[in-house]
Amino acid sequence: MKLVLLTALGVGGATIFGSLIGFIFKKVSQKFSDIVLSFAAGVMLAAAVLGLIVPSIEYGGKWGILITVAGIFCGAVCLNLIDKLVPHMHRLVGVESETHPNANLSRVLLFVTAIAIHNLPEGIAAGVSFGSNDPNGALLIAGGIALQNIPEGMVIIGPMLAAGVSPKRTFIAAMLTGVVEVIGTLLGYFAVSIASAILPFALAFAGGTMLYVISDEMIPETHAHGYQRGATYSLLIGFCLMLVSDVLLG
């Protein structure tokens, strides 16, 4: 339990760490942001497959593959429904382009709210992974999610400051998006601890949410600014790093 709590704090704290970087540099280059986010996407992709989807098949027994496929699609559909309510990432780029101050602020707040809402299932994915009794794999998954949270924390700061939000309130907003992830991690862990029978489905569900985030949010965002070649290789490096880590720790 102590390890889970520390992991939850680390996953949520990554967003806060990213926001501090955003305060220091104010305007992080788009190329750097795309490269870091793509690396995180590669890490998350390997983590989703190796740490969530494969164990789901193994724990599912006779019907493992069917449970896993169902869980993956349920996870993706869940985030798809969330997207329809609150769009995220590539649908909200250009938050600084609005000319009317109130419209700009509303758009920025929508962007921050979207990040917070999407952080909940990501946190749940980190928590669920501890139910597989593979702490090394769970930590790798949490590490991948934390890596993604750093650039997310970075991109929150600039638009909010530009919209006239005070530095104090900007930092509090960034911190709250991280707190959501801490809550999600604990919810995921306790859910599979109480009902271990749902573990195969829960693992696949978490894997599906991660695959959805990677495909629908992270890759389009990193390929939208002219740095797609570097982003692609960065994703491959992140993916291969996770493969090597899984073999060495396995």
C-alpha atoms as a PDB file:
ATOM      1  CA  MET A   1       0.000   0.000   0.000  1.00  0.00           C
ATOM      2  CA  LYS A   2       2.874   2.348   0.795  1.00  0.00           C
ATOM      3  CA  LEU A   3       4.316   1.789  -2.682  1.00  0.00           C
ATOM      4  CA  VAL A   4       0.925   2.490  -4.266  1.00  0.00           C
ATOM      5  CA  LEU A   5       0.555   5.726  -2.310  1.00  0.00           C
ATOM      6  CA  LEU A   6       4.045   6.877  -3.246  1.00  0.00           C
ATOM      7  CA  THR A   7       3.350   6.027  -6.876  1.00  0.00           C
ATOM      8  CA  ALA A   8       0.070   7.956  -6.804  1.00  0.00           C
ATOM      9  CA  LEU A   9       1.870  10.983  -5.412  1.00  0.00           C
ATOM     10  CA  GLY A  10       4.599  10.598  -8.030  1.00  0.00           C
ATOM     11  CA  VAL A  11       2.155  10.355 -10.938  1.00  0.00           C
ATOM     12  CA  GLY A  12       0.202  13.372  -9.741  1.00  0.00           C
ATOM     13  CA  GLY A  13       3.354  15.220  -8.769  1.00  0.00           C
ATOM     14  CA  ALA A  14       4.690  14.918 -12.319  1.00  0.00           C
ATOM     15  CA  THR A  15       2.017  17.378 -13.465  1.00  0.00           C
ATOM     16  CA  ILE A  16       3.061  19.814 -10.738  1.00  0.00           C
ATOM     17  CA  PHE A  17       6.719  19.338 -11.723  1.00  0.00           C
ATOM     18  CA  GLY A  18       5.820  20.107 -15.320  1.00  0.00           C
ATOM     19  CA  SER A  19       3.951  23.239 -14.250  1.00  0.00           C
ATOM     20  CA  LEU A  20       7.028  24.448 -12.344  1.00  0.00           C
ATOM     21  CA  ILE A  21       9.075  24.029 -15.517  1.00  0.00           C
ATOM     22  CA  GLY A  22       6.366  26.007 -17.303  1.00  0.00           C
ATOM     23  CA  PHE A  23       6.747  28.838 -14.782  1.00  0.00           C
ATOM     24  CA  ILE A  24      10.522  28.883 -15.175  1.00  0.00           C
ATOM     25  CA  PHE A  25      10.628  28.889 -18.962  1.00  0.00           C
ATOM     26  CA  LYS A  26       7.222  30.477 -19.602  1.00  0.00           C
ATOM     27  CA  LYS A  27       7.339  29.560 -23.305  1.00  0.00           C
ATOM     28  CA  VAL A  28       8.647  26.049 -23.982  1.00  0.00           C
ATOM     29  CA  SER A  29       9.481  25.452 -27.653  1.00  0.00           C
ATOM     30  CA  GLN A  30       6.909  23.447 -29.563  1.00  0.00           C
ATOM     31  CA  LYS A  31       9.595  21.127 -30.913  1.00  0.00           C
ATOM     32  CA  PHE A  32      10.815  20.245 -27.425  1.00  0.00           C
ATOM     33  CA  SER A  33       7.259  19.705 -26.206  1.00  0.00           C
ATOM     34  CA  ASP A  34       6.442  17.409 -29.151  1.00  0.00           C
ATOM     35  CA  ILE A  35       9.611  15.359 -28.669  1.00  0.00           C
ATOM     36  CA  VAL A  36       8.988  14.857 -24.942  1.00  0.00           C
ATOM     37  CA  LEU A  37       5.319  14.034 -25.450  1.00  0.00           C
ATOM     38  CA  SER A  38       6.160  11.534 -28.208  1.00  0.00           C
ATOM     39  CA  PHE A  39       8.726   9.835 -25.982  1.00  0.00           C
ATOM     40  CA  ALA A  40       6.058   9.550 -23.290  1.00  0.00           C
ATOM     41  CA  ALA A  41       3.646   8.119 -25.883  1.00  0.00           C
ATOM     42  CA  GLY A  42       6.154   5.393 -26.755  1.00  0.00           C
ATOM     43  CA  VAL A  43       6.652   4.543 -23.083  1.00  0.00           C
ATOM     44  CA  MET A  44       2.902   4.450 -22.505  1.00  0.00           C
ATOM     45  CA  LEU A  45       2.312   2.302 -25.592  1.00  0.00           C
ATOM     46  CA  ALA A  46       4.749  -0.368 -24.404  1.00  0.00           C
ATOM     47  CA  ALA A  47       3.430  -0.100 -20.851  1.00  0.00           C
ATOM     48  CA  ALA A  48      -0.163  -0.548 -22.015  1.00  0.00           C
ATOM     49  CA  VAL A  49       0.666  -3.663 -24.023  1.00  0.00           C
ATOM     50  CA  LEU A  50       3.231  -5.320 -21.744  1.00  0.00           C
ATOM     51  CA  GLY A  51       1.934  -4.208 -18.351  1.00  0.00           C
ATOM     52  CA  LEU A  52      -1.833  -4.227 -18.860  1.00  0.00           C
ATOM     53  CA  ILE A  53      -3.067  -6.030 -21.977  1.00  0.00           C
ATOM     54  CA  VAL A  54      -0.775  -9.088 -21.897  1.00  0.00           C
ATOM     55  CA  PRO A  55      -1.387  -9.686 -18.146  1.00  0.00           C
ATOM     56  CA  SER A  56      -5.126  -9.297 -18.784  1.00  0.00           C
ATOM     57  CA  ILE A  57      -5.003 -12.198 -21.239  1.00  0.00           C
ATOM     58  CA  GLU A  58      -2.954 -14.289 -18.808  1.00  0.00           C
ATOM     59  CA  TYR A  59      -5.229 -13.646 -15.809  1.00  0.00           C
ATOM     60  CA  GLY A  60      -8.389 -14.130 -17.857  1.00  0.00           C
ATOM     61  CA  GLY A  61      -7.934 -17.885 -18.206  1.00  0.00           C
ATOM     62  CA  LYS A  62     -10.068 -19.672 -20.783  1.00  0.00           C
ATOM     63  CA  TRP A  63     -11.921 -16.525 -21.837  1.00  0.00           C
ATOM     64  CA  GLY A  64      -8.924 -14.256 -21.406  1.00  0.00           C
ATOM     65  CA  ILE A  65      -8.690 -12.974 -24.963  1.00  0.00           C
ATOM     66  CA  LEU A  66     -12.423 -12.190 -25.155  1.00  0.00           C
ATOM     67  CA  ILE A  67     -12.370 -10.410 -21.794  1.00  0.00           C
ATOM     68  CA  THR A  68      -9.303  -8.445 -22.877  1.00  0.00           C
ATOM     69  CA  VAL A  69     -10.775  -7.345 -26.203  1.00  0.00           C
ATOM     70  CA  ALA A  70     -14.016  -6.321 -24.498  1.00  0.00           C
ATOM     71  CA  GLY A  71     -12.101  -4.408 -21.820  1.00  0.00           C
ATOM     72  CA  ILE A  72      -9.952  -2.563 -24.377  1.00  0.00           C
ATOM     73  CA  PHE A  73     -12.979  -1.364 -26.341  1.00  0.00           C
ATOM     74  CA  CYS A  74     -14.886  -0.437 -23.181  1.00  0.00           C
ATOM     75  CA  GLY A  75     -11.938   1.665 -22.033  1.00  0.00           C
ATOM     76  CA  ALA A  76     -11.684   3.381 -25.408  1.00  0.00           C
ATOM     77  CA  VAL A  77     -15.427   4.031 -25.616  1.00  0.00           C
ATOM     78  CA  CYS A  78     -15.391   5.465 -22.092  1.00  0.00           C
ATOM     79  CA  LEU A  79     -12.770   8.048 -23.032  1.00  0.00           C
ATOM     80  CA  ASN A  80     -14.548   8.687 -26.327  1.00  0.00           C
ATOM     81  CA  LEU A  81     -17.676   9.641 -24.379  1.00  0.00           C
ATOM     82  CA  ILE A  82     -15.598  11.892 -22.126  1.00  0.00           C
ATOM     83  CA  ASP A  83     -14.124  13.511 -25.245  1.00  0.00           C
ATOM     84  CA  LYS A  84     -17.595  14.339 -26.516  1.00  0.00           C
ATOM     85  CA  LEU A  85     -18.334  16.156 -23.261  1.00  0.00           C
ATOM     86  CA  VAL A  86     -14.964  17.840 -22.829  1.00  0.00           C
ATOM     87  CA  PRO A  87     -12.560  17.972 -25.800  1.00  0.00           C
ATOM     88  CA  HIS A  88      -8.853  17.724 -25.110  1.00  0.00           C
ATOM     89  CA  MET A  89      -5.357  18.376 -26.452  1.00  0.00           C
ATOM     90  CA  HIS A  90      -5.409  18.732 -30.257  1.00  0.00           C
ATOM     91  CA  ARG A  91      -8.991  20.048 -30.265  1.00  0.00           C
ATOM     92  CA  LEU A  92      -7.978  22.893 -27.992  1.00  0.00           C
ATOM     93  CA  VAL A  93      -4.620  23.921 -29.417  1.00  0.00           C
ATOM     94  CA  GLY A  94      -4.270  27.593 -30.093  1.00  0.00           C
ATOM     95  CA  VAL A  95      -5.835  28.658 -26.812  1.00  0.00           C
ATOM     96  CA  GLU A  96      -3.840  31.878 -27.010  1.00  0.00           C
ATOM     97  CA  SER A  97      -5.275  32.898 -30.369  1.00  0.00           C
ATOM     98  CA  GLU A  98      -8.565  34.320 -29.108  1.00  0.00           C
ATOM     99  CA  THR A  99      -8.723  38.108 -29.133  1.00  0.00           C
ATOM    100  CA  HIS A 100     -11.495  38.639 -26.590  1.00  0.00           C
ATOM    101  CA  PRO A 101     -10.067  38.290 -23.044  1.00  0.00           C
ATOM    102  CA  ASN A 102     -13.120  36.541 -21.584  1.00  0.00           C
ATOM    103  CA  ALA A 103     -13.363  34.134 -24.521  1.00  0.00           C
ATOM    104  CA  ASN A 104      -9.657  33.396 -24.182  1.00  0.00           C
ATOM    105  CA  LEU A 105      -9.988  32.727 -20.443  1.00  0.00           C
ATOM    106  CA  SER A 106     -13.001  30.457 -20.968  1.00  0.00           C
ATOM    107  CA  ARG A 107     -11.110  28.447 -23.564  1.00  0.00           C
ATOM    108  CA  VAL A 108      -8.067  28.109 -21.315  1.00  0.00           C
ATOM    109  CA  LEU A 109     -10.201  26.967 -18.375  1.00  0.00           C
ATOM    110  CA  LEU A 110     -11.898  24.419 -20.645  1.00  0.00           C
ATOM    111  CA  PHE A 111      -8.455  23.156 -21.627  1.00  0.00           C
ATOM    112  CA  VAL A 112      -7.373  22.778 -17.986  1.00  0.00           C
ATOM    113  CA  THR A 113     -10.663  21.092 -17.055  1.00  0.00           C
ATOM    114  CA  ALA A 114     -10.220  18.669 -19.947  1.00  0.00           C
ATOM    115  CA  ILE A 115      -6.751  17.708 -18.729  1.00  0.00           C
ATOM    116  CA  ALA A 116      -8.077  17.144 -15.206  1.00  0.00           C
ATOM    117  CA  ILE A 117     -10.939  14.924 -16.444  1.00  0.00           C
ATOM    118  CA  HIS A 118      -8.633  12.880 -18.659  1.00  0.00           C
ATOM    119  CA  ASN A 119      -6.199  12.435 -15.779  1.00  0.00           C
ATOM    120  CA  LEU A 120      -8.742  10.397 -13.800  1.00  0.00           C
ATOM    121  CA  PRO A 121      -8.762   7.274 -16.048  1.00  0.00           C
ATOM    122  CA  GLU A 122      -4.995   7.590 -16.476  1.00  0.00           C
ATOM    123  CA  GLY A 123      -4.634   7.498 -12.697  1.00  0.00           C
ATOM    124  CA  ILE A 124      -6.993   4.520 -12.530  1.00  0.00           C
ATOM    125  CA  ALA A 125      -4.765   2.730 -15.055  1.00  0.00           C
ATOM    126  CA  ALA A 126      -1.762   3.249 -12.784  1.00  0.00           C
ATOM    127  CA  GLY A 127      -3.689   1.969  -9.754  1.00  0.00           C
ATOM    128  CA  VAL A 128      -5.163  -1.066 -11.510  1.00  0.00           C
ATOM    129  CA  SER A 129      -1.726  -2.174 -12.669  1.00  0.00           C
ATOM    130  CA  PHE A 130      -0.731  -2.879  -9.043  1.00  0.00           C
ATOM    131  CA  GLY A 131      -3.446  -5.524  -8.870  1.00  0.00           C
ATOM    132  CA  SER A 132      -1.448  -7.781 -11.188  1.00  0.00           C
ATOM    133  CA  ASN A 133       1.110  -8.509  -8.431  1.00  0.00           C
ATOM    134  CA  ASP A 134       3.885  -7.239 -10.688  1.00  0.00           C
ATOM    135  CA  PRO A 135       5.253  -4.137  -8.935  1.00  0.00           C
ATOM    136  CA  ASN A 136       8.002  -3.631 -11.516  1.00  0.00           C
ATOM    137  CA  GLY A 137       5.483  -3.584 -14.350  1.00  0.00           C
ATOM    138  CA  ALA A 138       3.175  -1.325 -12.367  1.00  0.00           C
ATOM    139  CA  LEU A 139       5.995   1.132 -11.727  1.00  0.00           C
ATOM    140  CA  LEU A 140       6.881   1.172 -15.433  1.00  0.00           C
ATOM    141  CA  ILE A 141       3.266   1.973 -16.295  1.00  0.00           C
ATOM    142  CA  ALA A 142       3.146   4.717 -13.689  1.00  0.00           C
ATOM    143  CA  GLY A 143       6.443   6.055 -15.018  1.00  0.00           C
ATOM    144  CA  GLY A 144       5.049   6.272 -18.532  1.00  0.00           C
ATOM    145  CA  ILE A 145       1.971   8.143 -17.335  1.00  0.00           C
ATOM    146  CA  ALA A 146       4.120  10.467 -15.231  1.00  0.00           C
ATOM    147  CA  LEU A 147       6.278  11.262 -18.259  1.00  0.00           C
ATOM    148  CA  GLN A 148       3.169  12.273 -20.159  1.00  0.00           C
ATOM    149  CA  ASN A 149       2.049  14.486 -17.280  1.00  0.00           C
ATOM    150  CA  ILE A 150       5.214  16.594 -17.326  1.00  0.00           C
ATOM    151  CA  PRO A 151       4.574  18.245 -20.727  1.00  0.00           C
ATOM    152  CA  GLU A 152       0.874  18.502 -19.852  1.00  0.00           C
ATOM    153  CA  GLY A 153       1.803  20.482 -16.747  1.00  0.00           C
ATOM    154  CA  MET A 154       4.120  22.632 -18.846  1.00  0.00           C
ATOM    155  CA  VAL A 155       1.491  23.604 -21.428  1.00  0.00           C
ATOM    156  CA  ILE A 156      -1.053  24.652 -18.795  1.00  0.00           C
ATOM    157  CA  ILE A 157       1.010  27.561 -17.479  1.00  0.00           C
ATOM    158  CA  GLY A 158       1.611  29.803 -20.507  1.00  0.00           C
ATOM    159  CA  PRO A 159      -1.997  30.057 -21.720  1.00  0.00           C
ATOM    160  CA  MET A 160      -3.365  30.694 -18.215  1.00  0.00           C
ATOM    161  CA  LEU A 161      -0.870  33.478 -17.506  1.00  0.00           C
ATOM    162  CA  ALA A 162      -1.554  34.981 -20.946  1.00  0.00           C
ATOM    163  CA  ALA A 163      -5.284  34.931 -20.168  1.00  0.00           C
ATOM    164  CA  GLY A 164      -4.711  37.093 -17.098  1.00  0.00           C
ATOM    165  CA  VAL A 165      -4.889  34.396 -14.397  1.00  0.00           C
ATOM    166  CA  SER A 166      -2.607  35.171 -11.451  1.00  0.00           C
ATOM    167  CA  PRO A 167       0.489  32.976 -10.996  1.00  0.00           C
ATOM    168  CA  LYS A 168      -0.891  31.696  -7.664  1.00  0.00           C
ATOM    169  CA  ARG A 169      -4.226  30.586  -9.155  1.00  0.00           C
ATOM    170  CA  THR A 170      -2.443  29.170 -12.185  1.00  0.00           C
ATOM    171  CA  PHE A 171      -0.273  26.962  -9.964  1.00  0.00           C
ATOM    172  CA  ILE A 172      -3.296  25.863  -7.899  1.00  0.00           C
ATOM    173  CA  ALA A 173      -5.153  24.876 -11.095  1.00  0.00           C
ATOM    174  CA  ALA A 174      -2.148  22.860 -12.289  1.00  0.00           C
ATOM    175  CA  MET A 175      -1.839  21.215  -8.875  1.00  0.00           C
ATOM    176  CA  LEU A 176      -5.518  20.206  -8.896  1.00  0.00           C
ATOM    177  CA  THR A 177      -5.106  18.399 -12.219  1.00  0.00           C
ATOM    178  CA  GLY A 178      -2.375  16.360 -10.536  1.00  0.00           C
ATOM    179  CA  VAL A 179      -4.529  15.681  -7.471  1.00  0.00           C
ATOM    180  CA  VAL A 180      -7.181  14.171  -9.763  1.00  0.00           C
ATOM    181  CA  GLU A 181      -4.587  11.646 -10.936  1.00  0.00           C
ATOM    182  CA  VAL A 182      -3.668  10.745  -7.348  1.00  0.00           C
ATOM    183  CA  ILE A 183      -7.348  10.064  -6.614  1.00  0.00           C
ATOM    184  CA  GLY A 184      -7.677   7.960  -9.769  1.00  0.00           C
ATOM    185  CA  THR A 185      -4.645   5.854  -8.847  1.00  0.00           C
ATOM    186  CA  LEU A 186      -6.042   5.061  -5.411  1.00  0.00           C
ATOM    187  CA  LEU A 187      -9.509   4.301  -6.841  1.00  0.00           C
ATOM    188  CA  GLY A 188      -8.042   1.853  -9.354  1.00  0.00           C
ATOM    189  CA  TYR A 189      -5.966   0.079  -6.729  1.00  0.00           C
ATOM    190  CA  PHE A 190      -8.794  -0.297  -4.212  1.00  0.00           C
ATOM    191  CA  ALA A 191     -11.246  -1.422  -6.912  1.00  0.00           C
ATOM    192  CA  VAL A 192      -9.159  -4.433  -7.953  1.00  0.00           C
ATOM    193  CA  SER A 193      -8.143  -5.144  -4.346  1.00  0.00           C
ATOM    194  CA  ILE A 194     -11.774  -5.438  -3.267  1.00  0.00           C
ATOM    195  CA  ALA A 195     -12.928  -7.432  -6.294  1.00  0.00           C
ATOM    196  CA  SER A 196     -10.002  -9.406  -7.710  1.00  0.00           C
ATOM    197  CA  ALA A 197     -12.402 -11.184 -10.095  1.00  0.00           C
ATOM    198  CA  ILE A 198     -12.609  -8.030 -12.189  1.00  0.00           C
ATOM    199  CA  LEU A 199      -8.809  -7.808 -12.553  1.00  0.00           C
ATOM    200  CA  PRO A 200      -8.543  -9.137 -16.161  1.00  0.00           C
ATOM    201  CA  PHE A 201     -11.265  -6.768 -17.378  1.00  0.00           C
ATOM    202  CA  ALA A 202      -9.900  -3.863 -15.315  1.00  0.00           C
ATOM    203  CA  LEU A 203      -6.396  -4.349 -16.742  1.00  0.00           C
ATOM    204  CA  ALA A 204      -7.730  -4.423 -20.298  1.00  0.00           C
ATOM    205  CA  PHE A 205      -9.999  -1.424 -19.613  1.00  0.00           C
ATOM    206  CA  ALA A 206      -7.007   0.544 -18.345  1.00  0.00           C
ATOM    207  CA  GLY A 207      -4.993  -0.559 -21.368  1.00  0.00           C
ATOM    208  CA  GLY A 208      -7.782   0.576 -23.668  1.00  0.00           C
ATOM    209  CA  THR A 209      -7.872   4.033 -22.087  1.00  0.00           C
ATOM    210  CA  MET A 210      -4.111   4.379 -22.549  1.00  0.00           C
ATOM    211  CA  LEU A 211      -4.252   3.248 -26.182  1.00  0.00           C
ATOM    212  CA  TYR A 212      -7.044   5.746 -26.813  1.00  0.00           C
ATOM    213  CA  VAL A 213      -5.083   8.611 -25.257  1.00  0.00           C
ATOM    214  CA  ILE A 214      -1.992   7.718 -27.299  1.00  0.00           C
ATOM    215  CA  SER A 215      -3.809   7.417 -30.624  1.00  0.00           C
ATOM    216  CA  ASP A 216      -6.432  10.124 -30.267  1.00  0.00           C
ATOM    217  CA  GLU A 217      -4.551  12.742 -28.259  1.00  0.00           C
ATOM    218  CA  MET A 218      -0.788  12.352 -28.055  1.00  0.00           C
ATOM    219  CA  ILE A 219       0.167  11.307 -31.596  1.00  0.00           C
ATOM    220  CA  PRO A 220      -2.065  13.883 -33.366  1.00  0.00           C
ATOM    221  CA  GLU A 221      -0.767  16.610 -31.035  1.00  0.00           C
ATOM    222  CA  THR A 222       2.889  15.754 -31.686  1.00  0.00           C
ATOM    223  CA  HIS A 223       2.365  15.542 -35.463  1.00  0.00           C
ATOM    224  CA  ALA A 224       0.532  18.838 -35.865  1.00  0.00           C
ATOM    225  CA  HIS A 225       3.402  21.316 -35.803  1.00  0.00           C
ATOM    226  CA  GLY A 226       5.891  20.130 -38.427  1.00  0.00           C
ATOM    227  CA  TYR A 227       8.094  18.023 -36.153  1.00  0.00           C
ATOM    228  CA  GLN A 228       6.487  14.673 -36.897  1.00  0.00           C
ATOM    229  CA  ARG A 229       9.723  12.954 -37.997  1.00  0.00           C
ATOM    230  CA  GLY A 230      11.507  13.673 -34.749  1.00  0.00           C
ATOM    231  CA  ALA A 231       8.321  12.833 -32.846  1.00  0.00           C
ATOM    232  CA  THR A 232       8.097   9.436 -34.556  1.00  0.00           C
ATOM    233  CA  TYR A 233      11.650   8.480 -33.651  1.00  0.00           C
ATOM    234  CA  SER A 234      11.144   9.776 -30.127  1.00  0.00           C
ATOM    235  CA  LEU A 235       8.111   7.499 -29.777  1.00  0.00           C
ATOM    236  CA  LEU A 236      10.156   4.522 -31.009  1.00  0.00           C
ATOM    237  CA  ILE A 237      12.937   5.311 -28.519  1.00  0.00           C
ATOM    238  CA  GLY A 238      10.426   5.441 -25.672  1.00  0.00           C
ATOM    239  CA  PHE A 239       8.821   2.184 -26.788  1.00  0.00           C
ATOM    240  CA  CYS A 240      12.147   0.348 -27.115  1.00  0.00           C
ATOM    241  CA  LEU A 241      13.364   1.694 -23.779  1.00  0.00           C
ATOM    242  CA  MET A 242      10.328   0.127 -22.148  1.00  0.00           C
ATOM    243  CA  LEU A 243      10.967  -3.182 -23.942  1.00  0.00           C
ATOM    244  CA  VAL A 244      14.554  -3.260 -22.657  1.00  0.00           C
ATOM    245  CA  SER A 245      13.418  -2.290 -19.136  1.00  0.00           C
ATOM    246  CA  ASP A 246      10.778  -5.028 -19.139  1.00  0.00           C
ATOM    247  CA  VAL A 247      13.346  -7.662 -20.134  1.00  0.00           C
ATOM    248  CA  LEU A 248      15.936  -6.497 -17.595  1.00  0.00           C
ATOM    249  CA  LEU A 249      13.399  -6.271 -14.750  1.00  0.00           C
ATOM    250  CA  GLY A 250      11.388  -9.307 -15.782  1.00  0.00           C
END
